[in-house]
Amino acid sequence: MDISIVIPLYCEEESLTELSDWIVKVMTENNFSYEIIFVDDGSTDSSWKIIEKLSLNNSNIKGIRFRRNYGKSAALNCGFADVQGDVVITMDADLQDSPDEIPELYKMIIEQDYHLVSGWKKKRYDPITKTIPTKLFNWATRKATKIQLNDFNCGLKAYKNEVVKCIEVYGEMHRYIPAIAKWAGFTRIGEKVVQHRERKFGVTKFGIERFINGFLDLISISFVSKFGKKPMHFFGLWGSILFFIGVVIAGYLAYAKFVFDTYKMTDRPLFYLGLLCMIIGTQLFLTGFIAEMLSRNSPDKNNYHIEKKIGL
């Protein structure tokens, strides 16, 4: 199979038929063998009924339905688990991503041998309250990950099949798939300017909290990438340093007490600082030790309750 298209969605009933027809048209014109996997993230409207109807009319259209809303990362992760195509395309369901971009993205993966190609919505049709935080978010992410992309959060991306089979996307980490792929060893990452279309139906499902969560996730993924498999290197190091400082302070106070015998050790604020350093140092060291034992993630981390599947 040439292409698998994974489309996470939540309450997008108005756009699904038009999007599906558009994708099928592009696939047919370019003679691609393909599958479209709609991942319904617990929609409360008639999105799933529409997906069922589309699947009956076209066996290349498949679906996954969650019992409740888990988020975009969960939807992508489950979609990635079932894809069969040599190239995997992800796109949003709101018609703001153009399926006409798919052939060129496919060529960049196959002919230029990229592991991943990310779309860049250079000209956006979003309000300034969204574009400014987006620019700040992308700048911070470039600095933290050392990946020179202009639009990390663009839903339109293309991957080699081996990339999506080797990475895990959970929590709210879909924004950082290029970083996750890079840290997994897939370093050939490209970018393509893509068309950004105005939303035709409904309203955006994301608020200002997405940017706050985004920066928190950036801190999290930066830490996990460096210390996820070796937490003792972080907690143990700082725990040992603090404990050593506490011991030095205690040694100095003991020396001053027995040599000069001018005051009680507990009368000096420095005593409590040393005691605090030793306590926190011990706690950090034990945290690192426990985290080291638990560094292999829980086996049910990505256990999402799927209600139904179509064609998979």
C-alpha atoms as a PDB file:
ATOM      1  CA  MET A   1       0.000   0.000   0.000  1.00  0.00           C
ATOM      2  CA  ASP A   2       1.338   3.443  -0.918  1.00  0.00           C
ATOM      3  CA  ILE A   3      -0.327   5.753   1.585  1.00  0.00           C
ATOM      4  CA  SER A   4      -2.135   5.537   4.905  1.00  0.00           C
ATOM      5  CA  ILE A   5      -3.953   8.687   5.981  1.00  0.00           C
ATOM      6  CA  VAL A   6      -4.687   9.024   9.699  1.00  0.00           C
ATOM      7  CA  ILE A   7      -7.293  11.627  10.628  1.00  0.00           C
ATOM      8  CA  PRO A   8      -8.028  12.230  14.325  1.00  0.00           C
ATOM      9  CA  LEU A   9     -11.319  14.000  14.903  1.00  0.00           C
ATOM     10  CA  TYR A  10     -13.711  15.202  17.545  1.00  0.00           C
ATOM     11  CA  CYS A  11     -17.216  16.353  16.585  1.00  0.00           C
ATOM     12  CA  GLU A  12     -16.525  17.171  12.929  1.00  0.00           C
ATOM     13  CA  GLU A  13     -19.707  15.774  11.375  1.00  0.00           C
ATOM     14  CA  GLU A  14     -20.101  18.633   8.872  1.00  0.00           C
ATOM     15  CA  SER A  15     -16.707  18.190   7.212  1.00  0.00           C
ATOM     16  CA  LEU A  16     -16.175  14.428   7.043  1.00  0.00           C
ATOM     17  CA  THR A  17     -17.985  13.658   3.790  1.00  0.00           C
ATOM     18  CA  GLU A  18     -16.394  16.556   1.906  1.00  0.00           C
ATOM     19  CA  LEU A  19     -12.943  15.705   3.273  1.00  0.00           C
ATOM     20  CA  SER A  20     -13.317  12.036   2.387  1.00  0.00           C
ATOM     21  CA  ASP A  21     -14.450  12.784  -1.170  1.00  0.00           C
ATOM     22  CA  TRP A  22     -11.564  15.201  -1.632  1.00  0.00           C
ATOM     23  CA  ILE A  23      -8.976  12.681  -0.441  1.00  0.00           C
ATOM     24  CA  VAL A  24     -10.411   9.905  -2.630  1.00  0.00           C
ATOM     25  CA  LYS A  25     -10.278  12.242  -5.631  1.00  0.00           C
ATOM     26  CA  VAL A  26      -6.590  13.004  -5.016  1.00  0.00           C
ATOM     27  CA  MET A  27      -5.750   9.327  -4.486  1.00  0.00           C
ATOM     28  CA  THR A  28      -7.541   8.292  -7.674  1.00  0.00           C
ATOM     29  CA  GLU A  29      -5.949  11.019  -9.812  1.00  0.00           C
ATOM     30  CA  ASN A  30      -2.474   9.941  -8.674  1.00  0.00           C
ATOM     31  CA  ASN A  31      -3.129   6.172  -8.830  1.00  0.00           C
ATOM     32  CA  PHE A  32      -2.181   5.667  -5.188  1.00  0.00           C
ATOM     33  CA  SER A  33      -3.183   2.576  -3.273  1.00  0.00           C
ATOM     34  CA  TYR A  34      -4.411   3.920   0.035  1.00  0.00           C
ATOM     35  CA  GLU A  35      -6.389   3.678   3.226  1.00  0.00           C
ATOM     36  CA  ILE A  36      -8.072   6.422   5.226  1.00  0.00           C
ATOM     37  CA  ILE A  37      -8.286   5.801   8.961  1.00  0.00           C
ATOM     38  CA  PHE A  38     -10.655   8.109  10.796  1.00  0.00           C
ATOM     39  CA  VAL A  39     -10.062   8.042  14.562  1.00  0.00           C
ATOM     40  CA  ASP A  40     -13.158   9.307  16.371  1.00  0.00           C
ATOM     41  CA  ASP A  41     -11.979  10.646  19.709  1.00  0.00           C
ATOM     42  CA  GLY A  42     -15.270  10.138  21.559  1.00  0.00           C
ATOM     43  CA  SER A  43     -17.394  12.498  19.447  1.00  0.00           C
ATOM     44  CA  THR A  44     -20.828  13.355  20.808  1.00  0.00           C
ATOM     45  CA  ASP A  45     -22.322  14.237  17.414  1.00  0.00           C
ATOM     46  CA  SER A  46     -23.035  11.964  14.431  1.00  0.00           C
ATOM     47  CA  SER A  47     -19.392  11.745  13.280  1.00  0.00           C
ATOM     48  CA  TRP A  48     -19.192   7.979  13.809  1.00  0.00           C
ATOM     49  CA  LYS A  49     -22.392   7.284  11.878  1.00  0.00           C
ATOM     50  CA  ILE A  50     -20.964   9.231   8.958  1.00  0.00           C
ATOM     51  CA  ILE A  51     -17.709   7.255   9.130  1.00  0.00           C
ATOM     52  CA  GLU A  52     -19.702   3.999   9.101  1.00  0.00           C
ATOM     53  CA  LYS A  53     -21.608   5.162   6.033  1.00  0.00           C
ATOM     54  CA  LEU A  54     -18.436   6.240   4.236  1.00  0.00           C
ATOM     55  CA  SER A  55     -16.826   2.871   4.985  1.00  0.00           C
ATOM     56  CA  LEU A  56     -19.776   0.979   3.501  1.00  0.00           C
ATOM     57  CA  ASN A  57     -19.338   2.871   0.243  1.00  0.00           C
ATOM     58  CA  ASN A  58     -15.530   2.606   0.130  1.00  0.00           C
ATOM     59  CA  SER A  59     -13.588  -0.296   1.644  1.00  0.00           C
ATOM     60  CA  ASN A  60     -10.461   1.883   1.782  1.00  0.00           C
ATOM     61  CA  ILE A  61     -12.107   4.014   4.469  1.00  0.00           C
ATOM     62  CA  LYS A  62     -11.672   2.617   7.965  1.00  0.00           C
ATOM     63  CA  GLY A  63     -12.476   3.838  11.435  1.00  0.00           C
ATOM     64  CA  ILE A  64     -11.572   3.633  15.101  1.00  0.00           C
ATOM     65  CA  ARG A  65     -13.924   4.928  17.772  1.00  0.00           C
ATOM     66  CA  PHE A  66     -12.978   5.689  21.372  1.00  0.00           C
ATOM     67  CA  ARG A  67     -15.555   5.273  24.117  1.00  0.00           C
ATOM     68  CA  ARG A  68     -14.611   8.697  25.456  1.00  0.00           C
ATOM     69  CA  ASN A  69     -12.428  11.648  24.604  1.00  0.00           C
ATOM     70  CA  TYR A  70      -8.726  10.894  25.153  1.00  0.00           C
ATOM     71  CA  GLY A  71      -7.111  13.614  23.065  1.00  0.00           C
ATOM     72  CA  LYS A  72      -5.318  13.953  19.753  1.00  0.00           C
ATOM     73  CA  SER A  73      -2.175  12.127  20.858  1.00  0.00           C
ATOM     74  CA  ALA A  74      -4.153   9.030  21.797  1.00  0.00           C
ATOM     75  CA  ALA A  75      -6.003   9.127  18.489  1.00  0.00           C
ATOM     76  CA  LEU A  76      -2.768   9.349  16.511  1.00  0.00           C
ATOM     77  CA  ASN A  77      -1.111   6.604  18.539  1.00  0.00           C
ATOM     78  CA  CYS A  78      -3.929   4.139  17.883  1.00  0.00           C
ATOM     79  CA  GLY A  79      -4.094   5.117  14.230  1.00  0.00           C
ATOM     80  CA  PHE A  80      -0.343   4.567  13.848  1.00  0.00           C
ATOM     81  CA  ALA A  81      -0.680   1.085  15.312  1.00  0.00           C
ATOM     82  CA  ASP A  82      -2.962  -0.004  12.448  1.00  0.00           C
ATOM     83  CA  VAL A  83      -1.468   1.720   9.392  1.00  0.00           C
ATOM     84  CA  GLN A  84      -0.195  -0.383   6.496  1.00  0.00           C
ATOM     85  CA  GLY A  85       1.009   2.197   3.964  1.00  0.00           C
ATOM     86  CA  ASP A  86       4.640   2.844   3.101  1.00  0.00           C
ATOM     87  CA  VAL A  87       4.007   6.528   3.776  1.00  0.00           C
ATOM     88  CA  VAL A  88       1.771   7.732   6.582  1.00  0.00           C
ATOM     89  CA  ILE A  89       0.027  11.095   6.277  1.00  0.00           C
ATOM     90  CA  THR A  90      -1.659  12.814   9.214  1.00  0.00           C
ATOM     91  CA  MET A  91      -4.102  15.664   8.788  1.00  0.00           C
ATOM     92  CA  ASP A  92      -6.879  17.396  10.669  1.00  0.00           C
ATOM     93  CA  ALA A  93     -10.537  16.779   9.904  1.00  0.00           C
ATOM     94  CA  ASP A  94     -11.683  20.415   9.831  1.00  0.00           C
ATOM     95  CA  LEU A  95     -10.803  21.012   6.141  1.00  0.00           C
ATOM     96  CA  GLN A  96      -8.060  23.499   7.076  1.00  0.00           C
ATOM     97  CA  ASP A  97      -5.487  21.006   5.736  1.00  0.00           C
ATOM     98  CA  SER A  98      -5.603  20.493   1.974  1.00  0.00           C
ATOM     99  CA  PRO A  99      -5.435  16.905   0.624  1.00  0.00           C
ATOM    100  CA  ASP A 100      -3.908  18.387  -2.544  1.00  0.00           C
ATOM    101  CA  GLU A 101      -0.635  18.570  -0.602  1.00  0.00           C
ATOM    102  CA  ILE A 102      -0.464  14.778  -0.204  1.00  0.00           C
ATOM    103  CA  PRO A 103       1.260  13.843  -3.520  1.00  0.00           C
ATOM    104  CA  GLU A 104       4.158  16.234  -2.915  1.00  0.00           C
ATOM    105  CA  LEU A 105       4.555  15.093   0.697  1.00  0.00           C
ATOM    106  CA  TYR A 106       4.606  11.494  -0.545  1.00  0.00           C
ATOM    107  CA  LYS A 107       7.336  12.324  -3.093  1.00  0.00           C
ATOM    108  CA  MET A 108       9.483  14.005  -0.467  1.00  0.00           C
ATOM    109  CA  ILE A 109       9.393  10.856   1.673  1.00  0.00           C
ATOM    110  CA  ILE A 110       9.940   8.384  -1.185  1.00  0.00           C
ATOM    111  CA  GLU A 111      12.234  10.296  -3.539  1.00  0.00           C
ATOM    112  CA  GLN A 112      14.171  12.517  -1.113  1.00  0.00           C
ATOM    113  CA  ASP A 113      14.324   9.840   1.570  1.00  0.00           C
ATOM    114  CA  TYR A 114      13.084  11.961   4.467  1.00  0.00           C
ATOM    115  CA  HIS A 115      12.009  10.160   7.601  1.00  0.00           C
ATOM    116  CA  LEU A 116       9.470  12.867   8.357  1.00  0.00           C
ATOM    117  CA  VAL A 117       8.169  15.940   6.557  1.00  0.00           C
ATOM    118  CA  SER A 118       6.259  18.562   8.517  1.00  0.00           C
ATOM    119  CA  GLY A 119       3.867  21.043   6.966  1.00  0.00           C
ATOM    120  CA  TRP A 120       4.435  24.756   7.488  1.00  0.00           C
ATOM    121  CA  LYS A 121       1.373  26.962   7.352  1.00  0.00           C
ATOM    122  CA  LYS A 122       3.348  30.032   6.391  1.00  0.00           C
ATOM    123  CA  LYS A 123       0.250  32.102   5.654  1.00  0.00           C
ATOM    124  CA  ARG A 124      -2.347  31.519   8.338  1.00  0.00           C
ATOM    125  CA  TYR A 125      -5.984  32.513   8.633  1.00  0.00           C
ATOM    126  CA  ASP A 126      -6.046  32.583  12.420  1.00  0.00           C
ATOM    127  CA  PRO A 127      -6.701  35.546  14.736  1.00  0.00           C
ATOM    128  CA  ILE A 128      -3.701  37.358  16.215  1.00  0.00           C
ATOM    129  CA  THR A 129      -4.538  35.895  19.633  1.00  0.00           C
ATOM    130  CA  LYS A 130      -3.589  32.526  18.176  1.00  0.00           C
ATOM    131  CA  THR A 131      -0.761  33.418  15.801  1.00  0.00           C
ATOM    132  CA  ILE A 132       1.419  35.266  18.338  1.00  0.00           C
ATOM    133  CA  PRO A 133       1.389  32.464  20.950  1.00  0.00           C
ATOM    134  CA  THR A 134       2.023  30.003  18.107  1.00  0.00           C
ATOM    135  CA  LYS A 135       5.139  31.897  16.993  1.00  0.00           C
ATOM    136  CA  LEU A 136       6.408  32.017  20.579  1.00  0.00           C
ATOM    137  CA  PHE A 137       5.717  28.301  21.033  1.00  0.00           C
ATOM    138  CA  ASN A 138       7.549  27.374  17.833  1.00  0.00           C
ATOM    139  CA  TRP A 139      10.534  29.557  18.750  1.00  0.00           C
ATOM    140  CA  ALA A 140      10.849  27.944  22.188  1.00  0.00           C
ATOM    141  CA  THR A 141      10.509  24.459  20.714  1.00  0.00           C
ATOM    142  CA  ARG A 142      13.217  25.105  18.123  1.00  0.00           C
ATOM    143  CA  LYS A 143      15.583  26.276  20.863  1.00  0.00           C
ATOM    144  CA  ALA A 144      14.825  23.305  23.112  1.00  0.00           C
ATOM    145  CA  THR A 145      14.875  20.532  20.489  1.00  0.00           C
ATOM    146  CA  LYS A 146      17.471  21.943  18.030  1.00  0.00           C
ATOM    147  CA  ILE A 147      15.090  21.030  15.185  1.00  0.00           C
ATOM    148  CA  GLN A 148      14.745  23.824  12.644  1.00  0.00           C
ATOM    149  CA  LEU A 149      11.022  23.656  11.885  1.00  0.00           C
ATOM    150  CA  ASN A 150       8.769  26.682  11.635  1.00  0.00           C
ATOM    151  CA  ASP A 151       5.489  24.987  12.526  1.00  0.00           C
ATOM    152  CA  PHE A 152       5.721  22.080  14.950  1.00  0.00           C
ATOM    153  CA  ASN A 153       1.984  21.997  15.576  1.00  0.00           C
ATOM    154  CA  CYS A 154       0.870  21.658  11.951  1.00  0.00           C
ATOM    155  CA  GLY A 155      -1.406  18.621  11.715  1.00  0.00           C
ATOM    156  CA  LEU A 156      -0.360  17.907   8.125  1.00  0.00           C
ATOM    157  CA  LYS A 157       2.725  15.701   8.264  1.00  0.00           C
ATOM    158  CA  ALA A 158       4.171  12.753   6.364  1.00  0.00           C
ATOM    159  CA  TYR A 159       6.189   9.862   7.794  1.00  0.00           C
ATOM    160  CA  LYS A 160       7.904   6.710   6.696  1.00  0.00           C
ATOM    161  CA  ASN A 161       5.975   3.735   8.054  1.00  0.00           C
ATOM    162  CA  GLU A 162       8.939   2.651  10.183  1.00  0.00           C
ATOM    163  CA  VAL A 163       8.891   5.985  12.027  1.00  0.00           C
ATOM    164  CA  VAL A 164       5.321   5.727  13.319  1.00  0.00           C
ATOM    165  CA  LYS A 165       5.869   2.083  14.234  1.00  0.00           C
ATOM    166  CA  CYS A 166       8.876   2.955  16.392  1.00  0.00           C
ATOM    167  CA  ILE A 167       7.534   5.915  18.371  1.00  0.00           C
ATOM    168  CA  GLU A 168       4.876   6.307  21.037  1.00  0.00           C
ATOM    169  CA  VAL A 169       2.638   9.354  21.256  1.00  0.00           C
ATOM    170  CA  TYR A 170       0.825   9.911  24.537  1.00  0.00           C
ATOM    171  CA  GLY A 171      -0.483  12.666  26.796  1.00  0.00           C
ATOM    172  CA  GLU A 172      -0.312  15.844  24.716  1.00  0.00           C
ATOM    173  CA  MET A 173       2.908  14.956  22.927  1.00  0.00           C
ATOM    174  CA  HIS A 174       1.533  15.118  19.378  1.00  0.00           C
ATOM    175  CA  ARG A 175       3.012  18.620  19.141  1.00  0.00           C
ATOM    176  CA  TYR A 176       6.477  17.138  19.556  1.00  0.00           C
ATOM    177  CA  ILE A 177       6.392  14.159  17.203  1.00  0.00           C
ATOM    178  CA  PRO A 178       9.380  15.559  15.229  1.00  0.00           C
ATOM    179  CA  ALA A 179      11.369  15.701  18.476  1.00  0.00           C
ATOM    180  CA  ILE A 180      10.233  12.217  19.521  1.00  0.00           C
ATOM    181  CA  ALA A 181      11.237  10.886  16.092  1.00  0.00           C
ATOM    182  CA  LYS A 182      14.613  12.604  16.233  1.00  0.00           C
ATOM    183  CA  TRP A 183      15.391  11.160  19.664  1.00  0.00           C
ATOM    184  CA  ALA A 184      14.382   7.741  18.345  1.00  0.00           C
ATOM    185  CA  GLY A 185      17.078   8.042  15.666  1.00  0.00           C
ATOM    186  CA  PHE A 186      15.042   9.369  12.723  1.00  0.00           C
ATOM    187  CA  THR A 187      17.026  12.493  11.952  1.00  0.00           C
ATOM    188  CA  ARG A 188      16.157  13.267   8.317  1.00  0.00           C
ATOM    189  CA  ILE A 189      13.395  15.776   8.993  1.00  0.00           C
ATOM    190  CA  GLY A 190      12.115  18.113   6.295  1.00  0.00           C
ATOM    191  CA  GLU A 191       9.547  20.858   5.953  1.00  0.00           C
ATOM    192  CA  LYS A 192       7.119  21.908   3.237  1.00  0.00           C
ATOM    193  CA  VAL A 193       5.082  25.070   2.958  1.00  0.00           C
ATOM    194  CA  VAL A 194       1.430  24.028   2.824  1.00  0.00           C
ATOM    195  CA  GLN A 195      -1.843  25.808   2.284  1.00  0.00           C
ATOM    196  CA  HIS A 196      -3.791  26.850   5.366  1.00  0.00           C
ATOM    197  CA  ARG A 197      -7.507  27.145   4.696  1.00  0.00           C
ATOM    198  CA  GLU A 198     -10.072  28.971   6.765  1.00  0.00           C
ATOM    199  CA  ARG A 199     -12.292  26.779   8.914  1.00  0.00           C
ATOM    200  CA  LYS A 200     -15.457  26.030   6.961  1.00  0.00           C
ATOM    201  CA  PHE A 201     -17.575  24.374   9.642  1.00  0.00           C
ATOM    202  CA  GLY A 202     -17.857  24.556  13.416  1.00  0.00           C
ATOM    203  CA  VAL A 203     -15.378  26.167  15.779  1.00  0.00           C
ATOM    204  CA  THR A 204     -11.891  25.292  16.955  1.00  0.00           C
ATOM    205  CA  LYS A 205     -11.653  22.737  19.769  1.00  0.00           C
ATOM    206  CA  PHE A 206      -8.521  24.342  21.228  1.00  0.00           C
ATOM    207  CA  GLY A 207      -8.290  27.267  23.631  1.00  0.00           C
ATOM    208  CA  ILE A 208      -5.475  29.228  25.221  1.00  0.00           C
ATOM    209  CA  GLU A 209      -4.783  26.293  27.544  1.00  0.00           C
ATOM    210  CA  ARG A 210      -3.205  24.427  24.601  1.00  0.00           C
ATOM    211  CA  PHE A 211      -0.260  26.841  24.699  1.00  0.00           C
ATOM    212  CA  ILE A 212       0.168  26.566  28.456  1.00  0.00           C
ATOM    213  CA  ASN A 213       0.031  22.773  28.180  1.00  0.00           C
ATOM    214  CA  GLY A 214       2.388  22.976  25.233  1.00  0.00           C
ATOM    215  CA  PHE A 215       5.167  24.654  27.202  1.00  0.00           C
ATOM    216  CA  LEU A 216       4.680  22.271  30.122  1.00  0.00           C
ATOM    217  CA  ASP A 217       4.911  19.355  27.709  1.00  0.00           C
ATOM    218  CA  LEU A 218       8.065  20.860  26.214  1.00  0.00           C
ATOM    219  CA  ILE A 219       9.730  20.836  29.631  1.00  0.00           C
ATOM    220  CA  SER A 220       8.485  17.302  30.215  1.00  0.00           C
ATOM    221  CA  ILE A 221       9.636  15.860  26.905  1.00  0.00           C
ATOM    222  CA  SER A 222      13.026  17.611  27.171  1.00  0.00           C
ATOM    223  CA  PHE A 223      13.561  16.000  30.557  1.00  0.00           C
ATOM    224  CA  VAL A 224      12.286  12.586  29.474  1.00  0.00           C
ATOM    225  CA  SER A 225      14.442  12.594  26.345  1.00  0.00           C
ATOM    226  CA  LYS A 226      17.590  13.182  28.402  1.00  0.00           C
ATOM    227  CA  PHE A 227      16.840  11.297  31.592  1.00  0.00           C
ATOM    228  CA  GLY A 228      13.863   9.025  30.841  1.00  0.00           C
ATOM    229  CA  LYS A 229      16.074   5.939  30.772  1.00  0.00           C
ATOM    230  CA  LYS A 230      18.580   7.176  33.331  1.00  0.00           C
ATOM    231  CA  PRO A 231      16.716   9.258  35.959  1.00  0.00           C
ATOM    232  CA  MET A 232      19.423   8.530  38.515  1.00  0.00           C
ATOM    233  CA  HIS A 233      21.777  10.718  36.472  1.00  0.00           C
ATOM    234  CA  PHE A 234      19.605  13.728  37.282  1.00  0.00           C
ATOM    235  CA  PHE A 235      18.088  13.049  40.695  1.00  0.00           C
ATOM    236  CA  GLY A 236      21.118  11.182  41.984  1.00  0.00           C
ATOM    237  CA  LEU A 237      23.527  13.917  40.883  1.00  0.00           C
ATOM    238  CA  TRP A 238      21.631  16.804  42.488  1.00  0.00           C
ATOM    239  CA  GLY A 239      20.784  14.705  45.536  1.00  0.00           C
ATOM    240  CA  SER A 240      24.441  13.879  46.060  1.00  0.00           C
ATOM    241  CA  ILE A 241      25.496  17.512  45.594  1.00  0.00           C
ATOM    242  CA  LEU A 242      22.941  18.804  48.125  1.00  0.00           C
ATOM    243  CA  PHE A 243      23.763  16.058  50.613  1.00  0.00           C
ATOM    244  CA  PHE A 244      27.486  16.836  50.296  1.00  0.00           C
ATOM    245  CA  ILE A 245      26.819  20.549  50.902  1.00  0.00           C
ATOM    246  CA  GLY A 246      24.804  19.624  53.998  1.00  0.00           C
ATOM    247  CA  VAL A 247      27.612  17.414  55.284  1.00  0.00           C
ATOM    248  CA  VAL A 248      30.181  20.178  54.729  1.00  0.00           C
ATOM    249  CA  ILE A 249      28.015  22.662  56.649  1.00  0.00           C
ATOM    250  CA  ALA A 250      27.487  20.183  59.492  1.00  0.00           C
ATOM    251  CA  GLY A 251      31.241  19.475  59.602  1.00  0.00           C
ATOM    252  CA  TYR A 252      32.077  23.158  59.747  1.00  0.00           C
ATOM    253  CA  LEU A 253      29.576  23.789  62.557  1.00  0.00           C
ATOM    254  CA  ALA A 254      30.848  20.787  64.522  1.00  0.00           C
ATOM    255  CA  TYR A 255      34.428  21.991  64.122  1.00  0.00           C
ATOM    256  CA  ALA A 256      33.473  25.505  65.258  1.00  0.00           C
ATOM    257  CA  LYS A 257      31.592  24.087  68.232  1.00  0.00           C
ATOM    258  CA  PHE A 258      34.394  21.871  69.543  1.00  0.00           C
ATOM    259  CA  VAL A 259      37.272  24.227  68.729  1.00  0.00           C
ATOM    260  CA  PHE A 260      35.804  27.561  69.761  1.00  0.00           C
ATOM    261  CA  ASP A 261      32.906  26.359  71.952  1.00  0.00           C
ATOM    262  CA  THR A 262      31.215  29.745  71.805  1.00  0.00           C
ATOM    263  CA  TYR A 263      27.612  28.813  70.971  1.00  0.00           C
ATOM    264  CA  LYS A 264      25.311  25.914  70.305  1.00  0.00           C
ATOM    265  CA  MET A 265      25.180  24.505  66.795  1.00  0.00           C
ATOM    266  CA  THR A 266      21.378  24.788  66.777  1.00  0.00           C
ATOM    267  CA  ASP A 267      21.577  28.513  67.503  1.00  0.00           C
ATOM    268  CA  ARG A 268      22.906  29.262  64.058  1.00  0.00           C
ATOM    269  CA  PRO A 269      20.613  29.465  60.951  1.00  0.00           C
ATOM    270  CA  LEU A 270      23.389  27.755  58.989  1.00  0.00           C
ATOM    271  CA  PHE A 271      22.650  24.569  60.939  1.00  0.00           C
ATOM    272  CA  TYR A 272      19.105  24.388  59.552  1.00  0.00           C
ATOM    273  CA  LEU A 273      20.315  25.128  56.042  1.00  0.00           C
ATOM    274  CA  GLY A 274      22.740  22.208  56.277  1.00  0.00           C
ATOM    275  CA  LEU A 275      20.038  19.956  57.708  1.00  0.00           C
ATOM    276  CA  LEU A 276      17.650  20.966  54.897  1.00  0.00           C
ATOM    277  CA  CYS A 277      20.306  20.222  52.257  1.00  0.00           C
ATOM    278  CA  MET A 278      20.891  16.739  53.667  1.00  0.00           C
ATOM    279  CA  ILE A 279      17.152  15.967  53.847  1.00  0.00           C
ATOM    280  CA  ILE A 280      16.399  17.210  50.322  1.00  0.00           C
ATOM    281  CA  GLY A 281      19.550  15.533  48.989  1.00  0.00           C
ATOM    282  CA  THR A 282      18.474  12.208  50.487  1.00  0.00           C
ATOM    283  CA  GLN A 283      14.973  12.589  49.059  1.00  0.00           C
ATOM    284  CA  LEU A 284      16.281  13.386  45.577  1.00  0.00           C
ATOM    285  CA  PHE A 285      18.660  10.442  45.682  1.00  0.00           C
ATOM    286  CA  LEU A 286      15.875   8.061  46.718  1.00  0.00           C
ATOM    287  CA  THR A 287      13.609   9.537  44.046  1.00  0.00           C
ATOM    288  CA  GLY A 288      16.269   8.806  41.446  1.00  0.00           C
ATOM    289  CA  PHE A 289      16.709   5.281  42.756  1.00  0.00           C
ATOM    290  CA  ILE A 290      12.968   4.544  42.614  1.00  0.00           C
ATOM    291  CA  ALA A 291      12.606   6.221  39.214  1.00  0.00           C
ATOM    292  CA  GLU A 292      15.497   4.126  37.903  1.00  0.00           C
ATOM    293  CA  MET A 293      13.604   0.995  38.905  1.00  0.00           C
ATOM    294  CA  LEU A 294      10.451   2.279  37.224  1.00  0.00           C
ATOM    295  CA  SER A 295      12.110   3.758  34.152  1.00  0.00           C
ATOM    296  CA  ARG A 296      10.398   1.240  31.940  1.00  0.00           C
ATOM    297  CA  ASN A 297       7.007   2.757  31.430  1.00  0.00           C
ATOM    298  CA  SER A 298       3.848   1.120  32.666  1.00  0.00           C
ATOM    299  CA  PRO A 299       2.565  -1.449  30.130  1.00  0.00           C
ATOM    300  CA  ASP A 300      -0.932   0.062  30.193  1.00  0.00           C
ATOM    301  CA  LYS A 301       0.228   3.634  29.521  1.00  0.00           C
ATOM    302  CA  ASN A 302      -1.357   3.588  26.074  1.00  0.00           C
ATOM    303  CA  ASN A 303      -4.333   1.408  26.923  1.00  0.00           C
ATOM    304  CA  TYR A 304      -7.267   3.265  25.406  1.00  0.00           C
ATOM    305  CA  HIS A 305     -10.753   1.794  25.422  1.00  0.00           C
ATOM    306  CA  ILE A 306     -11.802   1.384  21.802  1.00  0.00           C
ATOM    307  CA  GLU A 307     -15.497   0.790  21.312  1.00  0.00           C
ATOM    308  CA  LYS A 308     -15.548  -0.159  17.617  1.00  0.00           C
ATOM    309  CA  LYS A 309     -13.357  -0.572  14.563  1.00  0.00           C
ATOM    310  CA  ILE A 310     -14.205  -0.679  10.885  1.00  0.00           C
ATOM    311  CA  GLY A 311     -12.045  -2.511   8.368  1.00  0.00           C
ATOM    312  CA  LEU A 312      -9.133  -3.010  10.774  1.00  0.00           C
END
